[in-house]
All heavy atoms as atom14 arrays in JSON, in Angstrom:
{
  "sequence": "VDVAGTQQPGPAPRFSRTPPGIPTRPRLVGEDTDAALSAWGVSAPELE",
  "atom14_mask": [
    [1, 1, 1, 1, 1, 1, 1, 0, 0, 0, 0, 0, 0, 0],
    [1, 1, 1, 1, 1, 1, 1, 1, 0, 0, 0, 0, 0, 0],
    [1, 1, 1, 1, 1, 1, 1, 0, 0, 0, 0, 0, 0, 0],
    [1, 1, 1, 1, 1, 0, 0, 0, 0, 0, 0, 0, 0, 0],
    [1, 1, 1, 1, 0, 0, 0, 0, 0, 0, 0, 0, 0, 0],
    [1, 1, 1, 1, 1, 1, 1, 0, 0, 0, 0, 0, 0, 0],
    [1, 1, 1, 1, 1, 1, 1, 1, 1, 0, 0, 0, 0, 0],
    [1, 1, 1, 1, 1, 1, 1, 1, 1, 0, 0, 0, 0, 0],
    [1, 1, 1, 1, 1, 1, 1, 0, 0, 0, 0, 0, 0, 0],
    [1, 1, 1, 1, 0, 0, 0, 0, 0, 0, 0, 0, 0, 0],
    [1, 1, 1, 1, 1, 1, 1, 0, 0, 0, 0, 0, 0, 0],
    [1, 1, 1, 1, 1, 0, 0, 0, 0, 0, 0, 0, 0, 0],
    [1, 1, 1, 1, 1, 1, 1, 0, 0, 0, 0, 0, 0, 0],
    [1, 1, 1, 1, 1, 1, 1, 1, 1, 1, 1, 0, 0, 0],
    [1, 1, 1, 1, 1, 1, 1, 1, 1, 1, 1, 0, 0, 0],
    [1, 1, 1, 1, 1, 1, 0, 0, 0, 0, 0, 0, 0, 0],
    [1, 1, 1, 1, 1, 1, 1, 1, 1, 1, 1, 0, 0, 0],
    [1, 1, 1, 1, 1, 1, 1, 0, 0, 0, 0, 0, 0, 0],
    [1, 1, 1, 1, 1, 1, 1, 0, 0, 0, 0, 0, 0, 0],
    [1, 1, 1, 1, 1, 1, 1, 0, 0, 0, 0, 0, 0, 0],
    [1, 1, 1, 1, 0, 0, 0, 0, 0, 0, 0, 0, 0, 0],
    [1, 1, 1, 1, 1, 1, 1, 1, 0, 0, 0, 0, 0, 0],
    [1, 1, 1, 1, 1, 1, 1, 0, 0, 0, 0, 0, 0, 0],
    [1, 1, 1, 1, 1, 1, 1, 0, 0, 0, 0, 0, 0, 0],
    [1, 1, 1, 1, 1, 1, 1, 1, 1, 1, 1, 0, 0, 0],
    [1, 1, 1, 1, 1, 1, 1, 0, 0, 0, 0, 0, 0, 0],
    [1, 1, 1, 1, 1, 1, 1, 1, 1, 1, 1, 0, 0, 0],
    [1, 1, 1, 1, 1, 1, 1, 1, 0, 0, 0, 0, 0, 0],
    [1, 1, 1, 1, 1, 1, 1, 0, 0, 0, 0, 0, 0, 0],
    [1, 1, 1, 1, 0, 0, 0, 0, 0, 0, 0, 0, 0, 0],
    [1, 1, 1, 1, 1, 1, 1, 1, 1, 0, 0, 0, 0, 0],
    [1, 1, 1, 1, 1, 1, 1, 1, 0, 0, 0, 0, 0, 0],
    [1, 1, 1, 1, 1, 1, 1, 0, 0, 0, 0, 0, 0, 0],
    [1, 1, 1, 1, 1, 1, 1, 1, 0, 0, 0, 0, 0, 0],
    [1, 1, 1, 1, 1, 0, 0, 0, 0, 0, 0, 0, 0, 0],
    [1, 1, 1, 1, 1, 0, 0, 0, 0, 0, 0, 0, 0, 0],
    [1, 1, 1, 1, 1, 1, 1, 1, 0, 0, 0, 0, 0, 0],
    [1, 1, 1, 1, 1, 1, 0, 0, 0, 0, 0, 0, 0, 0],
    [1, 1, 1, 1, 1, 0, 0, 0, 0, 0, 0, 0, 0, 0],
    [1, 1, 1, 1, 1, 1, 1, 1, 1, 1, 1, 1, 1, 1],
    [1, 1, 1, 1, 0, 0, 0, 0, 0, 0, 0, 0, 0, 0],
    [1, 1, 1, 1, 1, 1, 1, 0, 0, 0, 0, 0, 0, 0],
    [1, 1, 1, 1, 1, 1, 0, 0, 0, 0, 0, 0, 0, 0],
    [1, 1, 1, 1, 1, 0, 0, 0, 0, 0, 0, 0, 0, 0],
    [1, 1, 1, 1, 1, 1, 1, 0, 0, 0, 0, 0, 0, 0],
    [1, 1, 1, 1, 1, 1, 1, 1, 1, 0, 0, 0, 0, 0],
    [1, 1, 1, 1, 1, 1, 1, 1, 0, 0, 0, 0, 0, 0],
    [1, 1, 1, 1, 1, 1, 1, 1, 1, 0, 0, 0, 0, 0]
  ],
  "atom14_positions": [
    [[-12.56, 4.63, -9.23], [-11.19, 4.82, -9.69], [-10.73, 3.54, -10.37], [-11.3, 2.47, -10.16], [-10.23, 5.17, -8.52], [-10.61, 6.5, -7.9], [-10.24, 4.07, -7.47], [0.0, 0.0, 0.0], [0.0, 0.0, 0.0], [0.0, 0.0, 0.0], [0.0, 0.0, 0.0], [0.0, 0.0, 0.0], [0.0, 0.0, 0.0], [0.0, 0.0, 0.0]],
    [[-9.7, 3.67, -11.18], [-9.1, 2.5, -11.83], [-7.82, 2.14, -11.09], [-6.92, 2.95, -10.97], [-8.79, 2.81, -13.29], [-8.28, 1.57, -14.04], [-7.13, 1.16, -13.75], [-9.0, 1.04, -14.88], [0.0, 0.0, 0.0], [0.0, 0.0, 0.0], [0.0, 0.0, 0.0], [0.0, 0.0, 0.0], [0.0, 0.0, 0.0], [0.0, 0.0, 0.0]],
    [[-7.78, 0.92, -10.58], [-6.59, 0.43, -9.89], [-6.14, -0.84, -10.6], [-6.83, -1.86, -10.56], [-6.87, 0.14, -8.4], [-5.61, -0.4, -7.71], [-7.36, 1.39, -7.7], [0.0, 0.0, 0.0], [0.0, 0.0, 0.0], [0.0, 0.0, 0.0], [0.0, 0.0, 0.0], [0.0, 0.0, 0.0], [0.0, 0.0, 0.0], [0.0, 0.0, 0.0]],
    [[-5.01, -0.78, -11.27], [-4.46, -1.93, -11.97], [-5.46, -2.55, -12.94], [-5.56, -3.76, -13.07], [-3.97, -2.98, -10.98], [0.0, 0.0, 0.0], [0.0, 0.0, 0.0], [0.0, 0.0, 0.0], [0.0, 0.0, 0.0], [0.0, 0.0, 0.0], [0.0, 0.0, 0.0], [0.0, 0.0, 0.0], [0.0, 0.0, 0.0], [0.0, 0.0, 0.0]],
    [[-6.23, -1.69, -13.61], [-7.17, -2.17, -14.61], [-8.51, -2.59, -14.06], [-9.37, -3.05, -14.83], [0.0, 0.0, 0.0], [0.0, 0.0, 0.0], [0.0, 0.0, 0.0], [0.0, 0.0, 0.0], [0.0, 0.0, 0.0], [0.0, 0.0, 0.0], [0.0, 0.0, 0.0], [0.0, 0.0, 0.0], [0.0, 0.0, 0.0], [0.0, 0.0, 0.0]],
    [[-8.74, -2.42, -12.77], [-10.01, -2.8, -12.17], [-10.76, -1.55, -11.71], [-10.25, -0.78, -10.9], [-9.81, -3.72, -10.95], [-9.17, -4.92, -11.37], [-11.16, -4.08, -10.31], [0.0, 0.0, 0.0], [0.0, 0.0, 0.0], [0.0, 0.0, 0.0], [0.0, 0.0, 0.0], [0.0, 0.0, 0.0], [0.0, 0.0, 0.0], [0.0, 0.0, 0.0]],
    [[-11.96, -1.34, -12.25], [-12.8, -0.26, -11.78], [-13.35, -0.62, -10.41], [-13.93, -1.68, -10.22], [-13.97, -0.03, -12.76], [-13.57, 0.62, -14.06], [-13.3, 2.11, -13.9], [-13.94, 2.79, -13.13], [-12.32, 2.61, -14.64], [0.0, 0.0, 0.0], [0.0, 0.0, 0.0], [0.0, 0.0, 0.0], [0.0, 0.0, 0.0], [0.0, 0.0, 0.0]],
    [[-13.17, 0.28, -9.44], [-13.61, 0.0, -8.06], [-13.93, 1.32, -7.36], [-13.47, 2.38, -7.78], [-12.54, -0.75, -7.31], [-11.19, -0.08, -7.3], [-10.08, -1.0, -6.84], [-9.69, -0.95, -5.69], [-9.58, -1.83, -7.77], [0.0, 0.0, 0.0], [0.0, 0.0, 0.0], [0.0, 0.0, 0.0], [0.0, 0.0, 0.0], [0.0, 0.0, 0.0]],
    [[-14.72, 1.25, -6.29], [-15.02, 2.48, -5.55], [-13.76, 3.11, -5.0], [-12.87, 2.42, -4.49], [-15.93, 1.99, -4.42], [-16.49, 0.68, -4.9], [-15.42, 0.07, -5.74], [0.0, 0.0, 0.0], [0.0, 0.0, 0.0], [0.0, 0.0, 0.0], [0.0, 0.0, 0.0], [0.0, 0.0, 0.0], [0.0, 0.0, 0.0], [0.0, 0.0, 0.0]],
    [[-13.65, 4.42, -5.12], [-12.5, 5.14, -4.59], [-12.64, 5.41, -3.1], [-13.68, 5.13, -2.49], [0.0, 0.0, 0.0], [0.0, 0.0, 0.0], [0.0, 0.0, 0.0], [0.0, 0.0, 0.0], [0.0, 0.0, 0.0], [0.0, 0.0, 0.0], [0.0, 0.0, 0.0], [0.0, 0.0, 0.0], [0.0, 0.0, 0.0], [0.0, 0.0, 0.0]],
    [[-11.59, 5.94, -2.48], [-11.65, 6.27, -1.05], [-12.77, 7.26, -0.76], [-13.07, 8.14, -1.56], [-10.28, 6.9, -0.78], [-9.38, 6.32, -1.82], [-10.24, 6.18, -3.05], [0.0, 0.0, 0.0], [0.0, 0.0, 0.0], [0.0, 0.0, 0.0], [0.0, 0.0, 0.0], [0.0, 0.0, 0.0], [0.0, 0.0, 0.0], [0.0, 0.0, 0.0]],
    [[-13.39, 7.1, 0.38], [-14.47, 7.99, 0.82], [-14.44, 8.05, 2.34], [-14.0, 7.09, 2.98], [-15.82, 7.48, 0.32], [0.0, 0.0, 0.0], [0.0, 0.0, 0.0], [0.0, 0.0, 0.0], [0.0, 0.0, 0.0], [0.0, 0.0, 0.0], [0.0, 0.0, 0.0], [0.0, 0.0, 0.0], [0.0, 0.0, 0.0], [0.0, 0.0, 0.0]],
    [[-14.89, 9.16, 2.95], [-15.44, 10.36, 2.35], [-14.36, 11.28, 1.8], [-13.19, 10.91, 1.76], [-16.18, 11.01, 3.53], [-15.39, 10.6, 4.73], [-14.92, 9.2, 4.43], [0.0, 0.0, 0.0], [0.0, 0.0, 0.0], [0.0, 0.0, 0.0], [0.0, 0.0, 0.0], [0.0, 0.0, 0.0], [0.0, 0.0, 0.0], [0.0, 0.0, 0.0]],
    [[-14.76, 12.49, 1.4], [-13.84, 13.45, 0.82], [-13.32, 14.4, 1.9], [-14.03, 14.7, 2.87], [-14.52, 14.28, -0.28], [-15.35, 13.48, -1.28], [-14.5, 12.51, -2.1], [-15.3, 11.64, -2.93], [-15.66, 11.93, -4.18], [-15.31, 13.08, -4.73], [-16.38, 11.07, -4.88], [0.0, 0.0, 0.0], [0.0, 0.0, 0.0], [0.0, 0.0, 0.0]],
    [[-12.1, 14.9, 1.73], [-11.48, 15.81, 2.69], [-10.93, 17.01, 1.95], [-10.28, 16.88, 0.91], [-10.35, 15.1, 3.46], [-10.83, 13.95, 4.3], [-11.0, 12.69, 3.75], [-11.14, 14.14, 5.64], [-11.46, 11.63, 4.51], [-11.6, 13.09, 6.42], [-11.76, 11.83, 5.86], [0.0, 0.0, 0.0], [0.0, 0.0, 0.0], [0.0, 0.0, 0.0]],
    [[-11.17, 18.22, 2.5], [-10.79, 19.44, 1.8], [-9.29, 19.7, 1.83], [-8.72, 20.18, 0.84], [-11.53, 20.64, 2.41], [-11.16, 20.82, 3.78], [0.0, 0.0, 0.0], [0.0, 0.0, 0.0], [0.0, 0.0, 0.0], [0.0, 0.0, 0.0], [0.0, 0.0, 0.0], [0.0, 0.0, 0.0], [0.0, 0.0, 0.0], [0.0, 0.0, 0.0]],
    [[-8.62, 19.41, 2.95], [-7.19, 19.71, 3.07], [-6.28, 18.5, 2.88], [-5.13, 18.64, 2.48], [-6.89, 20.33, 4.44], [-7.42, 21.75, 4.63], [-6.85, 22.37, 5.89], [-7.22, 21.63, 7.1], [-6.43, 20.79, 7.74], [-5.2, 20.56, 7.32], [-6.85, 20.17, 8.83], [0.0, 0.0, 0.0], [0.0, 0.0, 0.0], [0.0, 0.0, 0.0]],
    [[-6.79, 17.32, 3.23], [-5.93, 16.12, 3.21], [-6.59, 15.02, 2.4], [-6.93, 13.96, 2.93], [-5.67, 15.63, 4.64], [-6.93, 15.37, 5.3], [-4.88, 16.65, 5.44], [0.0, 0.0, 0.0], [0.0, 0.0, 0.0], [0.0, 0.0, 0.0], [0.0, 0.0, 0.0], [0.0, 0.0, 0.0], [0.0, 0.0, 0.0], [0.0, 0.0, 0.0]],
    [[-6.77, 15.25, 1.11], [-7.46, 14.23, 0.3], [-6.61, 12.96, 0.16], [-5.39, 13.03, 0.01], [-7.62, 14.91, -1.06], [-6.51, 15.91, -1.11], [-6.35, 16.41, 0.3], [0.0, 0.0, 0.0], [0.0, 0.0, 0.0], [0.0, 0.0, 0.0], [0.0, 0.0, 0.0], [0.0, 0.0, 0.0], [0.0, 0.0, 0.0], [0.0, 0.0, 0.0]],
    [[-7.26, 11.8, 0.26], [-6.53, 10.54, 0.03], [-6.05, 10.44, -1.41], [-6.64, 11.03, -2.32], [-7.58, 9.46, 0.33], [-8.64, 10.15, 1.13], [-8.65, 11.56, 0.66], [0.0, 0.0, 0.0], [0.0, 0.0, 0.0], [0.0, 0.0, 0.0], [0.0, 0.0, 0.0], [0.0, 0.0, 0.0], [0.0, 0.0, 0.0], [0.0, 0.0, 0.0]],
    [[-4.99, 9.68, -1.62], [-4.49, 9.45, -2.96], [-5.21, 8.3, -3.64], [-6.11, 7.68, -3.07], [0.0, 0.0, 0.0], [0.0, 0.0, 0.0], [0.0, 0.0, 0.0], [0.0, 0.0, 0.0], [0.0, 0.0, 0.0], [0.0, 0.0, 0.0], [0.0, 0.0, 0.0], [0.0, 0.0, 0.0], [0.0, 0.0, 0.0], [0.0, 0.0, 0.0]],
    [[-4.82, 8.03, -4.87], [-5.38, 6.89, -5.6], [-4.82, 5.61, -4.99], [-3.61, 5.48, -4.78], [-5.01, 6.95, -7.09], [-5.59, 8.23, -7.72], [-5.51, 5.72, -7.83], [-7.1, 8.28, -7.7], [0.0, 0.0, 0.0], [0.0, 0.0, 0.0], [0.0, 0.0, 0.0], [0.0, 0.0, 0.0], [0.0, 0.0, 0.0], [0.0, 0.0, 0.0]],
    [[-5.66, 4.63, -4.68], [-5.17, 3.39, -4.07], [-4.18, 2.65, -4.96], [-4.24, 2.75, -6.19], [-6.45, 2.57, -3.87], [-7.56, 3.56, -3.87], [-7.13, 4.64, -4.82], [0.0, 0.0, 0.0], [0.0, 0.0, 0.0], [0.0, 0.0, 0.0], [0.0, 0.0, 0.0], [0.0, 0.0, 0.0], [0.0, 0.0, 0.0], [0.0, 0.0, 0.0]],
    [[-3.29, 1.92, -4.33], [-2.37, 1.05, -5.05], [-2.98, -0.35, -5.16], [-3.88, -0.71, -4.4], [-1.02, 0.96, -4.33], [-1.22, 0.48, -3.0], [-0.36, 2.34, -4.27], [0.0, 0.0, 0.0], [0.0, 0.0, 0.0], [0.0, 0.0, 0.0], [0.0, 0.0, 0.0], [0.0, 0.0, 0.0], [0.0, 0.0, 0.0], [0.0, 0.0, 0.0]],
    [[-2.47, -1.13, -6.08], [-3.05, -2.45, -6.34], [-2.89, -3.38, -5.14], [-1.96, -3.24, -4.33], [-2.38, -3.09, -7.56], [-0.93, -3.52, -7.34], [-0.49, -4.5, -8.44], [0.91, -4.85, -8.32], [1.38, -5.8, -7.51], [0.57, -6.48, -6.73], [2.68, -6.06, -7.48], [0.0, 0.0, 0.0], [0.0, 0.0, 0.0], [0.0, 0.0, 0.0]],
    [[-3.77, -4.37, -5.01], [-3.59, -5.4, -3.99], [-2.25, -6.12, -4.18], [-1.76, -6.26, -5.3], [-4.76, -6.35, -4.23], [-5.78, -5.52, -4.93], [-5.01, -4.56, -5.77], [0.0, 0.0, 0.0], [0.0, 0.0, 0.0], [0.0, 0.0, 0.0], [0.0, 0.0, 0.0], [0.0, 0.0, 0.0], [0.0, 0.0, 0.0], [0.0, 0.0, 0.0]],
    [[-1.67, -6.57, -3.08], [-0.37, -7.22, -3.12], [-0.52, -8.72, -2.91], [-1.4, -9.2, -2.21], [0.53, -6.66, -2.04], [0.59, -5.15, -2.0], [1.21, -4.56, -3.23], [2.65, -4.79, -3.27], [3.44, -4.38, -4.26], [2.92, -3.74, -5.3], [4.74, -4.61, -4.22], [0.0, 0.0, 0.0], [0.0, 0.0, 0.0], [0.0, 0.0, 0.0]],
    [[0.38, -9.47, -3.52], [0.43, -10.91, -3.28], [0.85, -11.18, -1.85], [1.57, -10.39, -1.23], [1.44, -11.56, -4.23], [1.09, -11.5, -5.72], [2.3, -11.89, -6.55], [-0.07, -12.42, -6.02], [0.0, 0.0, 0.0], [0.0, 0.0, 0.0], [0.0, 0.0, 0.0], [0.0, 0.0, 0.0], [0.0, 0.0, 0.0], [0.0, 0.0, 0.0]],
    [[0.41, -12.31, -1.32], [0.79, -12.69, 0.04], [2.31, -12.84, 0.13], [2.91, -13.6, -0.62], [0.1, -14.0, 0.46], [0.61, -14.46, 1.81], [-1.41, -13.82, 0.5], [0.0, 0.0, 0.0], [0.0, 0.0, 0.0], [0.0, 0.0, 0.0], [0.0, 0.0, 0.0], [0.0, 0.0, 0.0], [0.0, 0.0, 0.0], [0.0, 0.0, 0.0]],
    [[2.92, -12.07, 1.02], [4.36, -12.15, 1.22], [5.18, -11.38, 0.22], [6.41, -11.38, 0.31], [0.0, 0.0, 0.0], [0.0, 0.0, 0.0], [0.0, 0.0, 0.0], [0.0, 0.0, 0.0], [0.0, 0.0, 0.0], [0.0, 0.0, 0.0], [0.0, 0.0, 0.0], [0.0, 0.0, 0.0], [0.0, 0.0, 0.0], [0.0, 0.0, 0.0]],
    [[4.55, -10.69, -0.73], [5.28, -9.99, -1.78], [6.21, -8.92, -1.23], [7.27, -8.64, -1.79], [4.28, -9.36, -2.77], [4.93, -8.65, -3.93], [3.89, -8.1, -4.9], [2.69, -8.38, -4.74], [4.3, -7.39, -5.85], [0.0, 0.0, 0.0], [0.0, 0.0, 0.0], [0.0, 0.0, 0.0], [0.0, 0.0, 0.0], [0.0, 0.0, 0.0]],
    [[5.84, -8.31, -0.1], [6.59, -7.17, 0.42], [7.32, -7.48, 1.72], [7.68, -6.56, 2.45], [5.63, -6.0, 0.65], [4.78, -5.71, -0.58], [5.36, -5.29, -1.59], [3.56, -5.93, -0.51], [0.0, 0.0, 0.0], [0.0, 0.0, 0.0], [0.0, 0.0, 0.0], [0.0, 0.0, 0.0], [0.0, 0.0, 0.0], [0.0, 0.0, 0.0]],
    [[7.51, -8.76, 2.03], [8.06, -9.11, 3.34], [9.33, -8.34, 3.67], [9.42, -7.69, 4.72], [8.3, -10.63, 3.43], [7.05, -11.32, 3.3], [8.93, -11.0, 4.77], [0.0, 0.0, 0.0], [0.0, 0.0, 0.0], [0.0, 0.0, 0.0], [0.0, 0.0, 0.0], [0.0, 0.0, 0.0], [0.0, 0.0, 0.0], [0.0, 0.0, 0.0]],
    [[10.33, -8.4, 2.81], [11.6, -7.75, 3.12], [11.47, -6.23, 3.15], [11.9, -5.57, 4.11], [12.67, -8.16, 2.11], [13.18, -9.57, 2.35], [12.56, -10.28, 3.16], [14.19, -9.95, 1.74], [0.0, 0.0, 0.0], [0.0, 0.0, 0.0], [0.0, 0.0, 0.0], [0.0, 0.0, 0.0], [0.0, 0.0, 0.0], [0.0, 0.0, 0.0]],
    [[10.88, -5.67, 2.1], [10.83, -4.21, 1.99], [9.98, -3.6, 3.1], [10.37, -2.59, 3.71], [10.28, -3.82, 0.62], [0.0, 0.0, 0.0], [0.0, 0.0, 0.0], [0.0, 0.0, 0.0], [0.0, 0.0, 0.0], [0.0, 0.0, 0.0], [0.0, 0.0, 0.0], [0.0, 0.0, 0.0], [0.0, 0.0, 0.0], [0.0, 0.0, 0.0]],
    [[8.83, -4.2, 3.37], [7.93, -3.62, 4.36], [8.5, -3.75, 5.78], [8.42, -2.81, 6.57], [6.56, -4.27, 4.28], [0.0, 0.0, 0.0], [0.0, 0.0, 0.0], [0.0, 0.0, 0.0], [0.0, 0.0, 0.0], [0.0, 0.0, 0.0], [0.0, 0.0, 0.0], [0.0, 0.0, 0.0], [0.0, 0.0, 0.0], [0.0, 0.0, 0.0]],
    [[9.04, -4.92, 6.1], [9.61, -5.08, 7.44], [10.82, -4.18, 7.63], [11.03, -3.64, 8.72], [9.98, -6.54, 7.68], [8.8, -7.51, 7.81], [9.29, -8.94, 8.03], [7.86, -7.09, 8.95], [0.0, 0.0, 0.0], [0.0, 0.0, 0.0], [0.0, 0.0, 0.0], [0.0, 0.0, 0.0], [0.0, 0.0, 0.0], [0.0, 0.0, 0.0]],
    [[11.6, -3.99, 6.59], [12.73, -3.06, 6.67], [12.24, -1.65, 6.96], [12.83, -0.92, 7.77], [13.54, -3.08, 5.38], [14.15, -4.33, 5.17], [0.0, 0.0, 0.0], [0.0, 0.0, 0.0], [0.0, 0.0, 0.0], [0.0, 0.0, 0.0], [0.0, 0.0, 0.0], [0.0, 0.0, 0.0], [0.0, 0.0, 0.0], [0.0, 0.0, 0.0]],
    [[11.13, -1.27, 6.29], [10.57, 0.07, 6.51], [10.05, 0.24, 7.93], [9.99, 1.36, 8.44], [9.45, 0.33, 5.51], [0.0, 0.0, 0.0], [0.0, 0.0, 0.0], [0.0, 0.0, 0.0], [0.0, 0.0, 0.0], [0.0, 0.0, 0.0], [0.0, 0.0, 0.0], [0.0, 0.0, 0.0], [0.0, 0.0, 0.0], [0.0, 0.0, 0.0]],
    [[9.71, -0.88, 8.57], [9.24, -0.83, 9.96], [10.39, -1.02, 10.95], [10.17, -1.21, 12.14], [8.16, -1.89, 10.19], [6.79, -1.42, 9.78], [6.38, -1.08, 8.53], [5.66, -1.26, 10.62], [5.07, -0.71, 8.53], [4.58, -0.81, 9.8], [5.41, -1.46, 11.98], [3.32, -0.54, 10.31], [4.14, -1.19, 12.48], [3.11, -0.74, 11.66]],
    [[11.63, -1.01, 10.46], [12.78, -1.0, 11.35], [13.44, -2.33, 11.6], [14.35, -2.42, 12.45], [0.0, 0.0, 0.0], [0.0, 0.0, 0.0], [0.0, 0.0, 0.0], [0.0, 0.0, 0.0], [0.0, 0.0, 0.0], [0.0, 0.0, 0.0], [0.0, 0.0, 0.0], [0.0, 0.0, 0.0], [0.0, 0.0, 0.0], [0.0, 0.0, 0.0]],
    [[13.05, -3.39, 10.88], [13.68, -4.7, 11.06], [14.98, -4.72, 10.24], [14.96, -4.44, 9.03], [12.74, -5.84, 10.62], [13.41, -7.19, 10.81], [11.43, -5.76, 11.4], [0.0, 0.0, 0.0], [0.0, 0.0, 0.0], [0.0, 0.0, 0.0], [0.0, 0.0, 0.0], [0.0, 0.0, 0.0], [0.0, 0.0, 0.0], [0.0, 0.0, 0.0]],
    [[16.07, -5.05, 10.87], [17.38, -5.0, 10.21], [17.56, -6.17, 9.25], [16.87, -7.2, 9.35], [18.49, -5.03, 11.25], [18.53, -6.29, 11.9], [0.0, 0.0, 0.0], [0.0, 0.0, 0.0], [0.0, 0.0, 0.0], [0.0, 0.0, 0.0], [0.0, 0.0, 0.0], [0.0, 0.0, 0.0], [0.0, 0.0, 0.0], [0.0, 0.0, 0.0]],
    [[18.53, -6.03, 8.33], [18.82, -7.09, 7.37], [19.25, -8.38, 8.06], [18.78, -9.47, 7.69], [19.87, -6.62, 6.37], [0.0, 0.0, 0.0], [0.0, 0.0, 0.0], [0.0, 0.0, 0.0], [0.0, 0.0, 0.0], [0.0, 0.0, 0.0], [0.0, 0.0, 0.0], [0.0, 0.0, 0.0], [0.0, 0.0, 0.0], [0.0, 0.0, 0.0]],
    [[20.15, -8.35, 9.06], [20.51, -9.59, 9.75], [19.32, -10.25, 10.44], [19.2, -11.48, 10.44], [21.55, -9.13, 10.77], [22.14, -7.89, 10.19], [21.0, -7.22, 9.49], [0.0, 0.0, 0.0], [0.0, 0.0, 0.0], [0.0, 0.0, 0.0], [0.0, 0.0, 0.0], [0.0, 0.0, 0.0], [0.0, 0.0, 0.0], [0.0, 0.0, 0.0]],
    [[18.43, -9.44, 11.0], [17.25, -10.02, 11.65], [16.33, -10.66, 10.63], [15.76, -11.74, 10.87], [16.5, -8.93, 12.44], [15.35, -9.48, 13.28], [14.64, -8.41, 14.09], [15.06, -7.23, 14.04], [13.66, -8.76, 14.77], [0.0, 0.0, 0.0], [0.0, 0.0, 0.0], [0.0, 0.0, 0.0], [0.0, 0.0, 0.0], [0.0, 0.0, 0.0]],
    [[16.17, -10.03, 9.46], [15.35, -10.63, 8.41], [15.91, -11.98, 7.99], [15.17, -12.95, 7.8], [15.3, -9.69, 7.19], [14.41, -8.45, 7.3], [14.61, -7.55, 6.08], [12.94, -8.85, 7.42], [0.0, 0.0, 0.0], [0.0, 0.0, 0.0], [0.0, 0.0, 0.0], [0.0, 0.0, 0.0], [0.0, 0.0, 0.0], [0.0, 0.0, 0.0]],
    [[17.22, -12.05, 7.84], [17.85, -13.31, 7.44], [17.64, -14.38, 8.49], [17.35, -15.54, 8.17], [19.34, -13.08, 7.19], [20.08, -14.32, 6.69], [19.48, -14.87, 5.4], [19.03, -14.05, 4.56], [19.45, -16.11, 5.25], [0.0, 0.0, 0.0], [0.0, 0.0, 0.0], [0.0, 0.0, 0.0], [0.0, 0.0, 0.0], [0.0, 0.0, 0.0]]
  ]
}
């Protein structure tokens, strides 16, 4: 599969009912700190 311009092996093995999606690009270290922790239930005051 092509992920952000890089040809790489796709997810395996294959599944008939619940196929995996196309992978997203690798993330920079700390790039998602606020958004990801918020999604895991960490409040804005706690993040600050």
